[in-house]
Protein backbone atom coordinates (compact mmCIF):
# COMPACT_ATOMS: atom_id res chain seq x y z
CA MET A 1 -122.11 125.83 -86.75
CA ASN A 2 -124.70 126.79 -84.12
CA ALA A 3 -127.47 129.16 -85.14
CA THR A 4 -126.85 132.56 -83.59
CA VAL A 5 -129.53 134.36 -81.58
CA LEU A 6 -129.28 138.13 -81.16
CA VAL A 7 -130.42 139.50 -77.81
CA THR A 8 -130.96 143.23 -77.36
CA GLY A 9 -130.70 144.14 -73.69
CA GLY A 10 -128.77 140.95 -73.08
CA THR A 11 -127.05 142.34 -70.00
CA GLY A 12 -130.26 143.50 -68.29
CA THR A 13 -132.39 141.85 -65.62
CA ILE A 14 -134.11 139.44 -68.01
CA GLY A 15 -131.42 139.28 -70.66
CA SER A 16 -128.76 138.16 -68.18
CA ARG A 17 -130.95 135.11 -67.47
CA VAL A 18 -131.85 134.48 -71.11
CA VAL A 19 -128.28 134.39 -72.41
CA PRO A 20 -127.02 131.43 -70.33
CA MET A 21 -130.22 129.52 -71.09
CA LEU A 22 -129.61 129.98 -74.81
CA ARG A 23 -126.04 128.79 -74.38
CA GLU A 24 -127.26 125.72 -72.51
CA ALA A 25 -129.55 125.05 -75.47
CA GLY A 26 -126.50 125.05 -77.74
CA ARG A 27 -127.00 128.44 -79.36
CA ASP A 28 -124.35 131.05 -79.96
CA VAL A 29 -125.45 134.45 -78.69
CA ARG A 30 -124.81 137.96 -79.93
CA ILE A 31 -125.60 140.73 -77.43
CA LEU A 32 -126.41 144.26 -78.55
CA SER A 33 -125.87 146.95 -75.92
CA ARG A 34 -124.73 150.53 -75.63
CA HIS A 35 -121.78 149.47 -73.49
CA PRO A 36 -120.56 146.10 -74.80
CA ARG A 37 -118.59 143.81 -72.54
CA ALA A 38 -115.73 141.45 -73.32
CA ASP A 39 -116.62 138.40 -75.39
CA GLU A 40 -116.93 134.97 -73.84
CA PRO A 41 -117.05 131.52 -75.45
CA GLY A 42 -120.16 131.47 -77.60
CA ILE A 43 -121.12 135.03 -76.61
CA HIS A 44 -120.21 138.00 -78.80
CA HIS A 45 -120.93 141.61 -77.80
CA VAL A 46 -121.61 144.41 -80.28
CA ALA A 47 -122.18 148.11 -79.66
CA GLY A 48 -125.46 149.68 -80.65
CA ASP A 49 -128.50 151.62 -79.54
CA THR A 50 -132.00 150.51 -80.52
CA VAL A 51 -133.56 153.92 -79.87
CA VAL A 52 -130.97 155.84 -81.88
CA GLY A 53 -130.79 153.03 -84.41
CA SER A 54 -127.00 152.77 -84.40
CA GLY A 55 -125.10 149.49 -84.85
CA LEU A 56 -128.18 147.51 -85.89
CA ALA A 57 -127.01 146.45 -89.36
CA GLU A 58 -123.88 144.79 -87.94
CA ALA A 59 -125.76 143.26 -85.03
CA PHE A 60 -128.51 141.71 -87.21
CA ASP A 61 -126.20 140.38 -89.91
CA GLY A 62 -126.39 136.61 -90.16
CA VAL A 63 -128.71 135.89 -87.23
CA ASP A 64 -131.87 133.83 -87.59
CA ALA A 65 -133.71 134.90 -84.43
CA VAL A 66 -133.78 138.17 -82.49
CA LEU A 67 -134.96 138.56 -78.91
CA HIS A 68 -135.76 142.24 -78.41
CA LEU A 69 -135.55 142.73 -74.63
CA ALA A 70 -134.01 146.20 -74.43
CA GLY A 71 -136.41 148.74 -72.99
CA GLY A 72 -136.78 151.79 -70.81
CA ALA A 73 -139.17 154.35 -69.44
CA LYS A 74 -139.39 156.05 -72.85
CA GLY A 75 -138.68 155.23 -76.45
CA ASP A 76 -139.75 151.58 -76.62
CA ASP A 77 -141.97 152.30 -79.61
CA VAL A 78 -139.14 154.02 -81.49
CA ALA A 79 -136.72 151.22 -80.62
CA ALA A 80 -139.15 148.55 -81.83
CA ARG A 81 -139.61 150.30 -85.17
CA ASN A 82 -135.84 150.47 -85.62
CA VAL A 83 -135.45 146.82 -84.66
CA ALA A 84 -138.25 145.74 -86.98
CA THR A 85 -136.70 147.65 -89.89
CA ALA A 86 -133.27 146.15 -89.24
CA ALA A 87 -134.78 142.66 -88.98
CA ARG A 88 -136.59 143.04 -92.29
CA GLN A 89 -133.49 144.34 -94.06
CA ALA A 90 -131.36 141.52 -92.64
CA GLY A 91 -133.84 138.80 -93.57
CA THR A 92 -134.37 137.75 -89.96
CA LYS A 93 -136.55 134.65 -89.70
CA HIS A 94 -138.02 135.27 -86.23
CA LEU A 95 -138.38 138.45 -84.16
CA ILE A 96 -139.49 138.06 -80.53
CA LEU A 97 -140.65 140.97 -78.36
CA ILE A 98 -141.30 141.15 -74.64
CA SER A 99 -144.24 143.41 -73.83
CA VAL A 100 -146.45 144.19 -70.84
CA ILE A 101 -149.87 142.87 -69.89
CA GLY A 102 -152.54 145.46 -70.62
CA ALA A 103 -150.47 147.22 -73.29
CA ASP A 104 -153.55 147.90 -75.39
CA ARG A 105 -155.82 148.82 -72.47
CA MET A 106 -153.94 150.97 -69.96
CA PRO A 107 -154.09 154.77 -70.60
CA ILE A 108 -150.47 155.32 -69.56
CA GLY A 109 -147.60 156.37 -71.82
CA TYR A 110 -145.42 153.36 -71.04
CA PHE A 111 -148.20 150.92 -71.91
CA ARG A 112 -149.09 152.82 -75.07
CA ALA A 113 -145.47 152.70 -76.20
CA LYS A 114 -145.47 148.93 -75.70
CA ALA A 115 -148.65 148.64 -77.77
CA GLU A 116 -146.95 150.62 -80.54
CA ALA A 117 -143.92 148.35 -80.27
CA GLU A 118 -146.17 145.33 -80.78
CA ARG A 119 -147.74 147.00 -83.80
CA ALA A 120 -144.30 147.66 -85.29
CA LEU A 121 -143.58 143.93 -85.25
CA ALA A 122 -146.96 142.95 -86.62
CA GLU A 123 -146.56 145.34 -89.56
CA SER A 124 -142.88 144.61 -90.23
CA GLY A 125 -143.29 141.67 -92.59
CA VAL A 126 -140.93 139.67 -90.34
CA PRO A 127 -142.29 136.48 -88.71
CA TRP A 128 -142.81 137.39 -85.05
CA SER A 129 -143.83 136.40 -81.53
CA VAL A 130 -144.92 138.68 -78.67
CA LEU A 131 -144.99 137.72 -75.00
CA ARG A 132 -146.76 140.05 -72.59
CA VAL A 133 -145.65 139.65 -69.00
CA ALA A 134 -146.60 141.06 -65.61
CA GLN A 135 -144.22 143.09 -63.44
CA LEU A 136 -141.18 141.17 -62.26
CA HIS A 137 -140.68 140.54 -58.55
CA GLU A 138 -137.49 142.59 -58.85
CA PHE A 139 -139.42 145.64 -60.06
CA VAL A 140 -142.18 145.41 -57.46
CA TYR A 141 -139.71 144.91 -54.60
CA PRO A 142 -138.17 148.44 -54.40
CA PHE A 143 -141.65 149.96 -54.74
CA VAL A 144 -142.99 147.99 -51.78
CA ARG A 145 -139.80 148.40 -49.75
CA GLY A 146 -139.90 152.18 -50.21
CA MET A 147 -143.53 152.44 -49.14
CA ALA A 148 -142.85 150.29 -46.08
CA LYS A 149 -140.57 153.04 -44.76
CA LEU A 150 -143.39 155.60 -44.68
CA PRO A 151 -145.29 156.34 -41.44
CA LEU A 152 -148.56 155.38 -43.14
CA LEU A 153 -148.87 152.89 -45.93
CA PRO A 154 -150.50 154.45 -49.03
CA ALA A 155 -153.20 152.06 -50.20
CA PRO A 156 -154.43 153.11 -53.64
CA GLY A 157 -157.76 151.45 -54.19
CA GLY A 158 -157.82 148.97 -57.06
CA LEU A 159 -154.04 148.95 -57.62
CA ARG A 160 -153.10 145.31 -57.96
CA PHE A 161 -150.09 143.41 -59.25
CA GLU A 162 -149.33 139.87 -60.40
CA PRO A 163 -145.57 139.74 -59.74
CA VAL A 164 -143.81 137.07 -61.76
CA ASN A 165 -140.49 135.29 -61.44
CA VAL A 166 -137.74 136.51 -63.77
CA ASP A 167 -136.36 133.03 -64.44
CA GLU A 168 -139.80 131.80 -65.50
CA VAL A 169 -140.08 134.74 -67.89
CA ALA A 170 -136.59 134.06 -69.27
CA ALA A 171 -137.35 130.38 -69.79
CA ARG A 172 -140.51 131.20 -71.73
CA LEU A 173 -138.66 133.68 -73.93
CA VAL A 174 -135.98 131.11 -74.72
CA GLU A 175 -138.68 128.59 -75.55
CA LEU A 176 -140.15 131.07 -78.03
CA ALA A 177 -136.75 131.90 -79.52
CA LEU A 178 -136.03 128.24 -80.16
CA GLY A 179 -139.46 127.63 -81.69
CA ASP A 180 -141.39 128.86 -84.68
CA PRO A 181 -142.99 132.32 -84.89
CA ALA A 182 -146.29 132.21 -82.99
CA GLY A 183 -147.72 135.74 -83.05
CA ARG A 184 -149.05 136.94 -79.72
CA VAL A 185 -148.80 134.05 -77.27
CA ALA A 186 -150.53 133.63 -73.91
CA ASP A 187 -149.66 136.27 -71.32
CA LEU A 188 -147.36 135.25 -68.46
CA ALA A 189 -148.16 136.45 -64.93
CA GLY A 190 -147.39 135.40 -61.38
CA PRO A 191 -149.53 132.93 -59.43
CA ASP A 192 -151.24 135.55 -57.23
CA VAL A 193 -153.09 138.84 -57.71
CA LEU A 194 -152.05 141.09 -54.80
CA ASP A 195 -152.98 144.62 -53.80
CA ILE A 196 -150.61 147.02 -52.05
CA ARG A 197 -151.79 146.01 -48.59
CA GLN A 198 -151.15 142.34 -49.28
CA LEU A 199 -147.75 142.96 -50.88
CA ALA A 200 -146.70 145.09 -47.91
CA ASP A 201 -148.01 142.65 -45.30
CA VAL A 202 -146.03 139.77 -46.79
CA TYR A 203 -142.96 142.02 -46.95
CA ALA A 204 -143.37 143.01 -43.30
CA GLU A 205 -143.81 139.45 -42.10
CA THR A 206 -140.96 138.04 -44.17
CA THR A 207 -138.48 140.74 -43.13
CA GLY A 208 -139.60 140.97 -39.51
CA ARG A 209 -140.74 144.59 -39.82
CA ARG A 210 -143.83 146.01 -38.23
CA ARG A 211 -146.94 146.50 -40.28
CA HIS A 212 -148.18 150.03 -40.93
CA ALA A 213 -151.71 151.31 -40.87
CA GLY A 214 -153.09 151.87 -44.35
CA LEU A 215 -153.99 155.25 -45.81
CA PRO A 216 -156.77 154.76 -48.40
CA ILE A 217 -156.12 156.69 -51.61
CA ARG A 218 -158.29 156.89 -54.70
CA ILE A 219 -156.41 157.10 -58.00
CA PRO A 220 -158.32 159.70 -60.02
CA GLY A 221 -159.36 159.86 -63.65
CA VAL A 222 -159.15 157.30 -66.41
CA VAL A 223 -155.97 155.77 -64.98
CA GLY A 224 -157.64 155.04 -61.66
CA ARG A 225 -160.66 153.57 -63.40
CA ALA A 226 -158.43 151.34 -65.55
CA TYR A 227 -156.65 149.98 -62.47
CA ARG A 228 -159.93 149.42 -60.64
CA ASP A 229 -161.26 147.58 -63.68
CA GLY A 230 -158.16 145.37 -63.69
CA ASP A 231 -157.04 146.45 -67.16
CA ASN A 232 -153.43 145.84 -66.12
CA LEU A 233 -154.15 142.24 -65.09
CA ALA A 234 -153.95 139.02 -67.07
CA GLY A 235 -157.10 137.18 -68.11
CA ASP A 236 -158.18 133.59 -67.65
CA SER A 237 -156.15 132.43 -70.65
CA ALA A 238 -152.84 133.59 -69.16
CA GLN A 239 -150.04 131.25 -68.26
CA ARG A 240 -149.27 131.43 -64.54
CA GLY A 241 -145.82 131.16 -63.02
CA GLN A 242 -145.12 129.10 -59.93
CA ARG A 243 -142.92 131.22 -57.68
CA THR A 244 -144.88 133.39 -55.27
CA TRP A 245 -144.13 136.85 -53.88
CA CYS A 246 -143.55 135.26 -50.47
CA GLU A 247 -141.02 132.80 -51.88
CA PHE A 248 -139.19 135.57 -53.73
CA LEU A 249 -138.95 137.69 -50.56
CA ASP A 250 -137.86 134.76 -48.45
CA ALA A 251 -134.99 134.01 -50.84
CA ARG A 252 -134.07 137.69 -51.06
CA VAL A 253 -133.89 138.04 -47.28
CA HIS A 254 -131.69 134.96 -46.94
CA GLU A 255 -129.33 136.15 -49.68
CA GLY A 256 -129.04 139.61 -48.16
CA SER A 257 -128.77 138.84 -44.46
CA GLY A 258 -127.78 135.24 -44.08
CA GLY A 259 -131.22 134.46 -42.71
CA ALA A 260 -131.17 136.79 -39.69
CA GLU A 261 -134.27 138.74 -40.64
CA ALA A 262 -136.08 135.67 -41.91
CA GLY A 263 -135.39 133.92 -38.65
CA ARG A 264 -137.15 136.69 -36.73
CA ALA A 265 -140.09 136.57 -39.12
CA GLY A 266 -140.48 132.81 -39.16
CA HIS A 267 -139.13 131.06 -42.27
CA GLY A 268 -141.82 130.53 -44.91
CA SER A 269 -144.64 131.62 -42.59
CA ALA A 270 -145.87 134.70 -44.44
CA LYS A 271 -149.37 134.36 -45.88
CA VAL A 272 -151.48 136.52 -48.14
CA ALA A 273 -154.77 137.53 -46.64
């Protein structure tokens, strides 16, 4: 019988990529979610909530490895503590957490919750692995698209991103789930470090939209200083993905418009200054 891997958040942006990869690797998958779907061959859905702590005992029963991917704007620290407790009680052999680059440096609630989530694993007594990743292309995209609609482009000084491909993140998580516990592994970020101006310029060129004049903005306080210092960015030891922001946008435009907008922009011509 195939070893079963439990995936919390298995129907989300990353989880929906992880699950088929696990199946291709020959693993049965159990998905924990608040709104379970119908079962499929090799994929079993169970109802539960990691923040509330409901359904965890059933979900964790008999699984060797747990990929904790469920997350939200709030409550990730609480969810991780519940998951760690359930894993310990179930005798789980490997607990894997996805976190965010800069979790222990950025003075923002979301990052602090991720740092607490990491601590919950480290103190759980369960063998564990933690992968910190940069923002996905899919999460940066609506942010940049929304700003591109404004008359002036806000350009917060020092605000930079390293957008990373979701399939590359999923593949790394599956690699960890199929391997031995490794503690905190190398961060995973995209190939480029881009500020708002650069992200928006590539978006404009790829979609055939006009570029907007920038409106310099200074992010105040300790948060602004952290961004200017690059505390949200990966270091030299990080693993870098291959798919660029330009390539992501180019594919997105072709999927959404059959290539009409990309044709006006010039296929594959967008460059980062």
